[in-house]
N, C-alpha and C. Protein backbone atom coordinates (compact mmCIF):
# COMPACT_ATOMS: atom_id res chain seq x y z
N MET A 1 106.27 -86.59 -76.92
CA MET A 1 106.90 -85.47 -77.59
C MET A 1 106.40 -84.16 -76.99
N ASP A 2 107.33 -83.26 -76.75
CA ASP A 2 106.98 -81.96 -76.18
C ASP A 2 106.70 -80.97 -77.31
N LEU A 3 105.45 -80.68 -77.52
CA LEU A 3 105.06 -79.79 -78.61
C LEU A 3 105.42 -78.34 -78.32
N ARG A 4 105.64 -78.01 -77.06
CA ARG A 4 105.97 -76.63 -76.70
C ARG A 4 107.23 -76.14 -77.41
N LEU A 5 108.22 -77.02 -77.55
CA LEU A 5 109.45 -76.62 -78.21
C LEU A 5 109.20 -76.31 -79.69
N ILE A 6 108.38 -77.12 -80.33
CA ILE A 6 108.04 -76.89 -81.73
C ILE A 6 107.25 -75.59 -81.86
N ILE A 7 106.30 -75.39 -80.97
CA ILE A 7 105.47 -74.17 -81.00
C ILE A 7 106.35 -72.93 -80.85
N GLU A 8 107.26 -72.96 -79.88
CA GLU A 8 108.13 -71.81 -79.65
C GLU A 8 109.07 -71.57 -80.82
N GLU A 9 109.59 -72.64 -81.41
CA GLU A 9 110.49 -72.49 -82.55
C GLU A 9 109.76 -71.87 -83.75
N ILE A 10 108.58 -72.37 -84.05
CA ILE A 10 107.82 -71.84 -85.18
C ILE A 10 107.41 -70.39 -84.92
N ALA A 11 106.96 -70.09 -83.72
CA ALA A 11 106.55 -68.72 -83.40
C ALA A 11 107.73 -67.76 -83.51
N SER A 12 108.92 -68.22 -83.14
CA SER A 12 110.10 -67.34 -83.21
C SER A 12 110.51 -67.06 -84.65
N GLU A 13 110.12 -67.92 -85.58
CA GLU A 13 110.46 -67.75 -87.00
C GLU A 13 109.32 -67.11 -87.80
N ALA A 14 108.24 -66.76 -87.14
CA ALA A 14 107.04 -66.28 -87.83
C ALA A 14 107.29 -65.04 -88.69
N ASP A 15 108.14 -64.14 -88.23
CA ASP A 15 108.42 -62.94 -89.02
C ASP A 15 108.97 -63.29 -90.40
N ASP A 16 109.73 -64.37 -90.48
CA ASP A 16 110.34 -64.77 -91.75
C ASP A 16 109.34 -65.47 -92.66
N PHE A 17 108.74 -66.55 -92.17
CA PHE A 17 107.91 -67.34 -93.07
C PHE A 17 106.48 -66.84 -93.21
N LEU A 18 106.07 -65.89 -92.39
CA LEU A 18 104.74 -65.29 -92.54
C LEU A 18 104.81 -63.86 -93.04
N ALA A 19 105.95 -63.46 -93.54
CA ALA A 19 106.08 -62.11 -94.10
C ALA A 19 105.05 -61.94 -95.22
N GLY A 20 104.27 -60.91 -95.12
CA GLY A 20 103.24 -60.65 -96.12
C GLY A 20 101.88 -61.22 -95.79
N ALA A 21 101.79 -62.06 -94.77
CA ALA A 21 100.49 -62.59 -94.36
C ALA A 21 99.67 -61.45 -93.77
N THR A 22 98.44 -61.30 -94.26
CA THR A 22 97.62 -60.18 -93.81
C THR A 22 96.41 -60.62 -92.98
N SER A 23 96.24 -61.92 -92.82
CA SER A 23 95.09 -62.39 -92.05
C SER A 23 95.47 -63.63 -91.24
N ARG A 24 94.62 -63.91 -90.29
CA ARG A 24 94.83 -65.09 -89.47
C ARG A 24 94.73 -66.36 -90.31
N GLU A 25 93.86 -66.36 -91.31
CA GLU A 25 93.70 -67.54 -92.17
C GLU A 25 94.97 -67.81 -92.96
N GLN A 26 95.60 -66.75 -93.47
CA GLN A 26 96.86 -66.92 -94.18
C GLN A 26 97.95 -67.42 -93.25
N ALA A 27 97.95 -66.93 -92.03
CA ALA A 27 98.94 -67.38 -91.05
C ALA A 27 98.74 -68.86 -90.73
N ARG A 28 97.50 -69.27 -90.52
CA ARG A 28 97.22 -70.69 -90.26
C ARG A 28 97.69 -71.56 -91.42
N ALA A 29 97.43 -71.12 -92.64
CA ALA A 29 97.85 -71.87 -93.81
C ALA A 29 99.38 -71.94 -93.89
N GLY A 30 100.05 -70.85 -93.58
CA GLY A 30 101.51 -70.83 -93.59
C GLY A 30 102.11 -71.75 -92.54
N ILE A 31 101.51 -71.76 -91.37
CA ILE A 31 101.98 -72.64 -90.31
C ILE A 31 101.76 -74.10 -90.69
N ALA A 32 100.59 -74.39 -91.26
CA ALA A 32 100.29 -75.76 -91.69
C ALA A 32 101.27 -76.21 -92.77
N GLU A 33 101.60 -75.32 -93.68
CA GLU A 33 102.56 -75.64 -94.75
C GLU A 33 103.94 -75.95 -94.15
N LEU A 34 104.36 -75.13 -93.20
CA LEU A 34 105.65 -75.37 -92.53
C LEU A 34 105.64 -76.71 -91.80
N LEU A 35 104.54 -77.01 -91.13
CA LEU A 35 104.43 -78.29 -90.43
C LEU A 35 104.54 -79.45 -91.41
N ASN A 36 103.87 -79.34 -92.54
CA ASN A 36 103.92 -80.42 -93.53
C ASN A 36 105.33 -80.62 -94.08
N ALA A 37 106.08 -79.54 -94.21
CA ALA A 37 107.42 -79.64 -94.76
C ALA A 37 108.45 -80.08 -93.73
N ASP A 38 108.41 -79.49 -92.54
CA ASP A 38 109.46 -79.71 -91.55
C ASP A 38 109.10 -80.68 -90.43
N TYR A 39 107.83 -80.86 -90.18
CA TYR A 39 107.39 -81.70 -89.06
C TYR A 39 106.36 -82.71 -89.54
N PHE A 40 106.61 -83.29 -90.68
CA PHE A 40 105.65 -84.22 -91.31
C PHE A 40 105.38 -85.45 -90.46
N HIS A 41 106.25 -85.73 -89.50
CA HIS A 41 106.08 -86.90 -88.64
C HIS A 41 105.01 -86.70 -87.56
N LEU A 42 104.54 -85.46 -87.38
CA LEU A 42 103.52 -85.20 -86.35
C LEU A 42 102.17 -85.78 -86.75
N ALA A 43 101.48 -86.30 -85.77
CA ALA A 43 100.11 -86.75 -86.00
C ALA A 43 99.24 -85.53 -86.27
N PRO A 44 98.17 -85.68 -87.05
CA PRO A 44 97.30 -84.53 -87.35
C PRO A 44 96.80 -83.80 -86.10
N ALA A 45 96.47 -84.52 -85.05
CA ALA A 45 96.01 -83.87 -83.82
C ALA A 45 97.12 -83.02 -83.19
N ASP A 46 98.34 -83.53 -83.22
CA ASP A 46 99.47 -82.76 -82.69
C ASP A 46 99.74 -81.54 -83.56
N GLY A 47 99.61 -81.69 -84.87
CA GLY A 47 99.79 -80.56 -85.76
C GLY A 47 98.79 -79.46 -85.48
N GLN A 48 97.56 -79.85 -85.20
CA GLN A 48 96.52 -78.86 -84.87
C GLN A 48 96.85 -78.15 -83.56
N LYS A 49 97.37 -78.89 -82.60
CA LYS A 49 97.77 -78.27 -81.32
C LYS A 49 98.90 -77.27 -81.54
N VAL A 50 99.83 -77.62 -82.42
CA VAL A 50 100.94 -76.70 -82.72
C VAL A 50 100.40 -75.44 -83.38
N ILE A 51 99.52 -75.59 -84.35
CA ILE A 51 98.94 -74.42 -85.02
C ILE A 51 98.24 -73.53 -84.01
N GLU A 52 97.44 -74.11 -83.15
CA GLU A 52 96.72 -73.31 -82.13
C GLU A 52 97.70 -72.63 -81.18
N GLY A 53 98.75 -73.33 -80.79
CA GLY A 53 99.74 -72.77 -79.88
C GLY A 53 100.49 -71.60 -80.51
N VAL A 54 100.89 -71.77 -81.78
CA VAL A 54 101.60 -70.69 -82.47
C VAL A 54 100.67 -69.49 -82.65
N MET A 55 99.43 -69.74 -83.03
CA MET A 55 98.48 -68.64 -83.20
C MET A 55 98.26 -67.89 -81.89
N ALA A 56 98.22 -68.60 -80.78
CA ALA A 56 98.05 -67.96 -79.48
C ALA A 56 99.22 -67.03 -79.18
N ILE A 57 100.43 -67.49 -79.48
CA ILE A 57 101.61 -66.65 -79.27
C ILE A 57 101.57 -65.44 -80.18
N LEU A 58 101.23 -65.65 -81.45
CA LEU A 58 101.17 -64.53 -82.39
C LEU A 58 100.11 -63.51 -81.96
N ASP A 59 98.99 -63.99 -81.47
CA ASP A 59 97.96 -63.07 -80.97
C ASP A 59 98.47 -62.30 -79.77
N TYR A 60 99.13 -62.99 -78.85
CA TYR A 60 99.67 -62.34 -77.65
C TYR A 60 100.69 -61.27 -78.02
N GLU A 61 101.51 -61.57 -79.04
CA GLU A 61 102.54 -60.62 -79.47
C GLU A 61 102.00 -59.57 -80.45
N ASP A 62 100.70 -59.59 -80.69
CA ASP A 62 100.03 -58.66 -81.59
C ASP A 62 100.65 -58.68 -82.99
N PHE A 63 100.93 -59.88 -83.46
CA PHE A 63 101.53 -60.08 -84.77
C PHE A 63 100.68 -59.49 -85.89
N PHE A 64 99.37 -59.52 -85.71
CA PHE A 64 98.46 -59.07 -86.76
C PHE A 64 98.09 -57.60 -86.62
N GLY A 65 98.66 -56.91 -85.64
CA GLY A 65 98.47 -55.48 -85.50
C GLY A 65 97.05 -55.05 -85.18
N THR A 66 96.33 -55.83 -84.42
CA THR A 66 94.93 -55.51 -84.14
C THR A 66 94.76 -54.36 -83.16
N GLU A 67 95.83 -53.95 -82.48
CA GLU A 67 95.66 -52.88 -81.50
C GLU A 67 95.30 -51.55 -82.15
N PHE A 68 95.57 -51.39 -83.45
CA PHE A 68 95.27 -50.14 -84.12
C PHE A 68 94.05 -50.24 -85.04
N ALA A 69 93.36 -51.33 -84.99
CA ALA A 69 92.18 -51.52 -85.86
C ALA A 69 91.03 -50.64 -85.39
N GLY A 70 90.21 -50.24 -86.32
CA GLY A 70 89.01 -49.50 -85.95
C GLY A 70 89.19 -48.00 -85.90
N GLY A 71 90.21 -47.44 -86.54
CA GLY A 71 90.38 -45.99 -86.58
C GLY A 71 90.79 -45.41 -85.25
N SER A 72 91.76 -45.99 -84.61
CA SER A 72 92.19 -45.54 -83.28
C SER A 72 92.65 -44.10 -83.27
N PHE A 73 93.10 -43.59 -84.41
CA PHE A 73 93.65 -42.24 -84.43
C PHE A 73 92.66 -41.21 -84.95
N ASP A 74 91.42 -41.60 -85.13
CA ASP A 74 90.40 -40.67 -85.65
C ASP A 74 90.25 -39.45 -84.76
N GLU A 75 90.33 -39.62 -83.47
CA GLU A 75 90.15 -38.49 -82.55
C GLU A 75 91.26 -37.46 -82.72
N GLU A 76 92.48 -37.92 -83.03
CA GLU A 76 93.59 -37.00 -83.20
C GLU A 76 93.39 -36.10 -84.40
N THR A 77 92.86 -36.64 -85.49
CA THR A 77 92.68 -35.84 -86.70
C THR A 77 91.52 -34.88 -86.57
N GLU A 78 90.54 -35.19 -85.72
CA GLU A 78 89.39 -34.33 -85.53
C GLU A 78 89.72 -33.13 -84.64
N ALA A 79 90.70 -33.26 -83.77
CA ALA A 79 91.02 -32.22 -82.80
C ALA A 79 91.65 -31.01 -83.37
């Protein structure tokens, strides 16, 4: 089974089913829940690979908005 297709499908739907998720832990739980509902036939090891793959895509796409963490605009307000 090619897990890449499942990973890409889940990642493309992340905006819908992870709406309101504010942390990586919530996202992992949401992905696991989706896997249990829609891909229950996957072996646990494959499910973990899918979760890791989706999380990697979400991180790459900056789904969690980490690029602005740490007061990136503090210098603008001080000037």
